[in-house]
N, C-alpha and C. Protein backbone atom coordinates (compact mmCIF):
# COMPACT_ATOMS: atom_id res chain seq x y z
N MET A 1 110.58 119.54 215.82
CA MET A 1 109.28 119.18 216.33
C MET A 1 109.42 118.54 217.70
N PRO A 2 108.40 118.69 218.54
CA PRO A 2 108.48 118.09 219.86
C PRO A 2 108.47 116.57 219.77
N LYS A 3 109.12 115.93 220.75
CA LYS A 3 109.15 114.47 220.77
C LYS A 3 107.75 113.91 220.94
N ASN A 4 106.96 114.53 221.82
CA ASN A 4 105.59 114.10 222.04
C ASN A 4 104.66 115.21 221.52
N PRO A 5 104.03 115.02 220.36
CA PRO A 5 103.22 116.08 219.78
C PRO A 5 102.00 116.46 220.62
N HIS A 6 101.69 115.69 221.64
CA HIS A 6 100.54 115.99 222.49
C HIS A 6 100.95 116.72 223.77
N ALA A 7 102.24 117.01 223.92
CA ALA A 7 102.76 117.63 225.15
C ALA A 7 102.98 119.12 224.93
N HIS A 8 101.90 119.90 225.02
CA HIS A 8 102.06 121.35 224.88
C HIS A 8 102.56 121.94 226.20
N MET A 9 103.04 123.18 226.14
CA MET A 9 103.57 123.83 227.34
C MET A 9 102.45 123.96 228.36
N SER A 10 102.73 123.58 229.59
CA SER A 10 101.71 123.69 230.64
C SER A 10 102.32 124.34 231.88
N PHE A 11 101.46 125.02 232.64
CA PHE A 11 101.90 125.78 233.80
C PHE A 11 100.93 125.58 234.94
N GLU A 12 101.42 125.80 236.15
CA GLU A 12 100.58 125.78 237.33
C GLU A 12 99.86 127.13 237.44
N ALA A 13 98.86 127.21 238.31
CA ALA A 13 98.10 128.44 238.49
C ALA A 13 99.03 129.60 238.86
N GLY A 14 98.90 130.72 238.16
CA GLY A 14 99.68 131.91 238.44
C GLY A 14 101.06 131.96 237.79
N GLU A 15 101.55 130.83 237.28
CA GLU A 15 102.88 130.80 236.68
C GLU A 15 102.96 131.55 235.36
N ILE A 16 101.89 131.57 234.60
CA ILE A 16 101.93 132.22 233.29
C ILE A 16 102.21 133.71 233.44
N ASP A 17 101.61 134.37 234.42
CA ASP A 17 101.86 135.80 234.62
C ASP A 17 103.32 136.08 234.89
N MET A 18 103.95 135.27 235.73
CA MET A 18 105.37 135.45 236.04
C MET A 18 106.23 135.17 234.80
N PHE A 19 105.90 134.15 234.07
CA PHE A 19 106.64 133.72 232.89
C PHE A 19 106.46 134.71 231.74
N ALA A 20 105.25 135.24 231.58
CA ALA A 20 104.91 136.08 230.43
C ALA A 20 105.75 137.35 230.35
N SER A 21 105.91 138.06 231.46
CA SER A 21 106.65 139.31 231.40
C SER A 21 108.13 139.07 231.08
N HIS A 22 108.70 138.02 231.63
CA HIS A 22 110.10 137.68 231.33
C HIS A 22 110.25 137.29 229.86
N LEU A 23 109.37 136.44 229.37
CA LEU A 23 109.46 135.98 227.98
C LEU A 23 109.22 137.13 227.01
N ALA A 24 108.27 138.01 227.30
CA ALA A 24 108.01 139.16 226.42
C ALA A 24 109.26 140.02 226.30
N LYS A 25 109.95 140.24 227.41
CA LYS A 25 111.20 141.02 227.38
C LYS A 25 112.23 140.35 226.49
N GLU A 26 112.37 139.05 226.63
CA GLU A 26 113.34 138.31 225.83
C GLU A 26 112.98 138.36 224.34
N LEU A 27 111.71 138.23 224.01
CA LEU A 27 111.29 138.22 222.61
C LEU A 27 111.45 139.58 221.94
N ARG A 28 111.38 140.66 222.74
CA ARG A 28 111.61 141.99 222.18
C ARG A 28 113.07 142.18 221.78
N GLU A 29 113.97 141.40 222.39
CA GLU A 29 115.40 141.54 222.12
C GLU A 29 115.88 140.68 220.95
N VAL A 30 115.09 139.71 220.53
CA VAL A 30 115.50 138.88 219.39
C VAL A 30 114.94 139.47 218.10
N ASP A 31 115.56 139.13 216.99
CA ASP A 31 115.11 139.62 215.69
C ASP A 31 113.76 139.00 215.30
N HIS A 32 113.65 137.71 215.48
CA HIS A 32 112.41 136.98 215.19
C HIS A 32 112.42 135.69 215.99
N PHE A 33 111.31 134.99 216.00
CA PHE A 33 111.25 133.71 216.68
C PHE A 33 110.33 132.77 215.91
N TYR A 34 110.51 131.49 216.17
CA TYR A 34 109.64 130.47 215.60
C TYR A 34 108.79 129.90 216.72
N ILE A 35 107.53 129.70 216.43
CA ILE A 35 106.63 129.12 217.41
C ILE A 35 106.07 127.84 216.81
N ILE A 36 106.22 126.75 217.54
CA ILE A 36 105.67 125.47 217.09
C ILE A 36 104.39 125.25 217.88
N HIS A 37 103.31 125.05 217.15
CA HIS A 37 101.98 124.97 217.77
C HIS A 37 101.08 124.02 216.99
N TYR A 38 99.98 123.66 217.60
CA TYR A 38 98.98 122.85 216.92
C TYR A 38 97.98 123.78 216.27
N CYS A 39 97.79 123.64 214.95
CA CYS A 39 96.83 124.45 214.21
C CYS A 39 95.50 123.71 214.14
N LYS A 40 94.50 124.26 214.82
CA LYS A 40 93.19 123.61 214.83
C LYS A 40 92.55 123.62 213.44
N LYS A 41 92.77 124.69 212.68
CA LYS A 41 92.18 124.82 211.35
C LYS A 41 92.64 123.70 210.42
N ARG A 42 93.94 123.43 210.40
CA ARG A 42 94.49 122.41 209.52
C ARG A 42 94.73 121.07 210.22
N LYS A 43 94.47 121.02 211.51
CA LYS A 43 94.60 119.80 212.31
C LYS A 43 95.99 119.18 212.18
N GLN A 44 97.02 120.04 212.38
CA GLN A 44 98.39 119.56 212.31
C GLN A 44 99.30 120.48 213.11
N ILE A 45 100.49 119.98 213.42
CA ILE A 45 101.50 120.78 214.12
C ILE A 45 102.23 121.60 213.08
N GLU A 46 102.37 122.91 213.36
CA GLU A 46 103.01 123.82 212.42
C GLU A 46 104.07 124.66 213.11
N GLU A 47 104.99 125.17 212.31
CA GLU A 47 106.01 126.09 212.80
C GLU A 47 105.82 127.41 212.04
N ARG A 48 105.69 128.53 212.78
CA ARG A 48 105.51 129.84 212.16
C ARG A 48 106.61 130.79 212.60
N ARG A 49 107.11 131.58 211.67
CA ARG A 49 108.08 132.63 211.97
C ARG A 49 107.27 133.84 212.43
N CYS A 50 107.68 134.43 213.55
CA CYS A 50 106.93 135.53 214.14
C CYS A 50 107.84 136.65 214.62
N TYR A 51 107.22 137.79 214.89
CA TYR A 51 107.90 138.95 215.46
C TYR A 51 107.10 139.43 216.66
N PHE A 52 107.78 139.95 217.64
CA PHE A 52 107.13 140.47 218.85
C PHE A 52 107.30 141.98 218.84
N ASP A 53 106.19 142.72 218.76
CA ASP A 53 106.26 144.18 218.74
C ASP A 53 105.47 144.77 219.90
N SER A 54 105.27 146.07 219.89
CA SER A 54 104.60 146.75 221.02
C SER A 54 103.13 146.35 221.18
N LYS A 55 102.50 145.82 220.14
CA LYS A 55 101.10 145.38 220.24
C LYS A 55 100.98 143.90 220.60
N SER A 56 102.09 143.19 220.58
CA SER A 56 102.09 141.76 220.90
C SER A 56 101.94 141.55 222.39
N LYS A 57 101.41 140.39 222.75
CA LYS A 57 101.28 140.09 224.17
C LYS A 57 101.31 138.59 224.42
N ILE A 58 101.62 138.24 225.66
CA ILE A 58 101.58 136.86 226.12
C ILE A 58 100.61 136.84 227.28
N TRP A 59 99.67 135.92 227.26
CA TRP A 59 98.61 135.95 228.26
C TRP A 59 98.08 134.55 228.53
N GLU A 60 97.21 134.47 229.51
CA GLU A 60 96.59 133.19 229.90
C GLU A 60 95.15 133.17 229.43
N THR A 61 94.76 132.10 228.73
CA THR A 61 93.38 131.97 228.27
C THR A 61 92.47 131.62 229.44
N LYS A 62 91.17 131.69 229.20
CA LYS A 62 90.22 131.34 230.26
C LYS A 62 90.33 129.86 230.65
N ASP A 63 90.91 129.03 229.75
CA ASP A 63 91.14 127.61 230.03
C ASP A 63 92.49 127.36 230.71
N GLY A 64 93.22 128.45 231.00
CA GLY A 64 94.50 128.32 231.68
C GLY A 64 95.68 127.99 230.77
N LYS A 65 95.51 128.18 229.46
CA LYS A 65 96.59 127.90 228.51
C LYS A 65 97.42 129.14 228.25
N LEU A 66 98.68 128.93 227.93
CA LEU A 66 99.57 130.00 227.50
C LEU A 66 99.15 130.43 226.09
N ALA A 67 99.04 131.73 225.85
CA ALA A 67 98.66 132.24 224.53
C ALA A 67 99.61 133.36 224.12
N PHE A 68 99.94 133.39 222.84
CA PHE A 68 100.76 134.46 222.25
C PHE A 68 99.92 135.15 221.20
N THR A 69 99.89 136.47 221.23
CA THR A 69 99.36 137.25 220.12
C THR A 69 100.54 138.05 219.60
N CYS A 70 100.90 137.82 218.34
CA CYS A 70 102.10 138.44 217.78
C CYS A 70 101.97 138.54 216.26
N VAL A 71 102.96 139.16 215.63
CA VAL A 71 102.98 139.30 214.18
C VAL A 71 103.51 137.99 213.59
N ALA A 72 102.70 137.35 212.75
CA ALA A 72 103.09 136.08 212.13
C ALA A 72 103.40 136.31 210.65
N THR A 73 104.23 135.45 210.10
CA THR A 73 104.57 135.55 208.69
C THR A 73 104.22 134.26 207.96
N THR A 74 104.15 134.39 206.64
CA THR A 74 104.05 133.24 205.75
C THR A 74 105.15 133.42 204.71
N ASP A 75 105.49 132.39 204.01
CA ASP A 75 106.52 132.49 202.98
C ASP A 75 105.90 132.94 201.66
N ASP A 76 106.60 133.87 200.97
CA ASP A 76 106.14 134.29 199.65
C ASP A 76 106.59 133.26 198.62
N ASP A 77 106.40 133.54 197.34
CA ASP A 77 106.74 132.59 196.28
C ASP A 77 108.23 132.26 196.23
N ASN A 78 109.07 133.17 196.75
CA ASN A 78 110.52 132.93 196.75
C ASN A 78 111.00 132.29 198.05
N GLY A 79 110.09 132.03 198.98
CA GLY A 79 110.47 131.44 200.25
C GLY A 79 110.87 132.44 201.31
N ASP A 80 110.71 133.74 201.00
CA ASP A 80 111.05 134.79 201.96
C ASP A 80 109.84 135.08 202.84
N PRO A 81 110.09 135.43 204.13
CA PRO A 81 108.97 135.71 205.03
C PRO A 81 108.21 136.98 204.62
N MET A 82 106.90 136.91 204.71
CA MET A 82 106.02 138.02 204.38
C MET A 82 105.00 138.14 205.53
N ILE A 83 104.82 139.33 206.07
CA ILE A 83 103.91 139.51 207.20
C ILE A 83 102.49 139.17 206.78
N SER A 84 101.84 138.31 207.56
CA SER A 84 100.45 137.96 207.28
C SER A 84 99.50 138.58 208.30
N GLY A 85 100.03 139.22 209.34
CA GLY A 85 99.20 139.91 210.32
C GLY A 85 99.34 139.32 211.71
N TYR A 86 98.56 139.87 212.62
CA TYR A 86 98.58 139.38 214.01
C TYR A 86 97.82 138.08 214.10
N ARG A 87 98.41 137.14 214.83
CA ARG A 87 97.77 135.84 215.05
C ARG A 87 97.90 135.50 216.53
N THR A 88 96.95 134.72 217.01
CA THR A 88 97.00 134.23 218.39
C THR A 88 97.25 132.73 218.34
N PHE A 89 98.26 132.30 219.08
CA PHE A 89 98.64 130.88 219.16
C PHE A 89 98.36 130.39 220.57
N THR A 90 97.78 129.20 220.69
CA THR A 90 97.54 128.65 222.02
C THR A 90 98.25 127.31 222.23
N ASP A 91 97.89 126.28 221.55
CA ASP A 91 98.48 124.96 221.82
C ASP A 91 99.95 124.97 221.39
N ILE A 92 100.78 125.57 222.25
CA ILE A 92 102.19 125.83 221.93
C ILE A 92 103.08 124.73 222.49
N PHE A 93 103.99 124.25 221.64
CA PHE A 93 104.95 123.23 222.06
C PHE A 93 106.32 123.83 222.34
N GLN A 94 106.74 124.79 221.51
CA GLN A 94 108.09 125.31 221.63
C GLN A 94 108.16 126.72 221.03
N VAL A 95 109.05 127.55 221.61
CA VAL A 95 109.34 128.88 221.09
C VAL A 95 110.84 129.00 220.97
N LYS A 96 111.34 129.37 219.77
CA LYS A 96 112.78 129.49 219.53
C LYS A 96 113.09 130.88 219.00
N GLY A 97 113.87 131.66 219.75
CA GLY A 97 114.22 133.02 219.33
C GLY A 97 115.56 133.04 218.61
N TYR A 98 115.69 133.97 217.65
CA TYR A 98 116.91 134.10 216.86
C TYR A 98 117.36 135.55 216.81
N VAL A 99 118.67 135.76 216.93
CA VAL A 99 119.27 137.07 216.81
C VAL A 99 119.71 137.23 215.35
N ALA A 100 119.49 138.42 214.78
CA ALA A 100 119.84 138.67 213.38
C ALA A 100 121.35 138.55 213.15
N LYS A 101 121.72 138.00 212.00
CA LYS A 101 123.13 137.91 211.64
C LYS A 101 123.62 139.22 211.04
N SER A 102 122.70 140.04 210.56
CA SER A 102 123.04 141.35 210.01
C SER A 102 122.15 142.39 210.69
N PRO A 103 122.48 143.67 210.56
CA PRO A 103 121.66 144.71 211.21
C PRO A 103 120.20 144.62 210.78
N THR A 104 119.30 144.86 211.72
CA THR A 104 117.88 144.83 211.38
C THR A 104 117.52 146.05 210.57
N THR A 105 116.40 146.01 209.87
CA THR A 105 115.98 147.14 209.06
C THR A 105 115.70 148.36 209.93
N GLU A 106 115.28 148.15 211.15
CA GLU A 106 115.01 149.28 212.06
C GLU A 106 116.28 150.06 212.35
N VAL A 107 117.40 149.35 212.53
CA VAL A 107 118.67 150.00 212.82
C VAL A 107 119.19 150.73 211.60
N MET A 108 118.97 150.17 210.42
CA MET A 108 119.50 150.76 209.20
C MET A 108 118.75 152.02 208.77
N GLN A 109 117.52 152.22 209.22
CA GLN A 109 116.72 153.37 208.79
C GLN A 109 117.16 154.65 209.39
C-alpha cells in the first residue's frame, strides 16, 4: 500500500499521453499486473489483479487524471483469479507488473 493513501499518481499537462503509450507497451509484455486504487463504491483503497489486452487502454480523464481500462479479476472460492470483466480505474496509487513463472496459456495453446 502507498505510504500516503491520499497521494495518487499525478501528472503535468500533456504528460499522460507520453506516459500512456510507453506504459501500455510494458503492460502488454507482462503476464498480469496489480493496480492499487481508491474504490469510490466501497470507499477504501484496493488492490486488483488485472490483464492488459488489445481492448485495454490508458487515457486521461476530463479532470486530468490517469485512467486505466483493462480486464480485472476477482478471487474465486479457492482464491484463484477469475475474470470479472473490463473495469476503469482512476484514483491510482501504484501499478506493479509481473512476468509469469511458467508459460502462459496463450503460448501453450
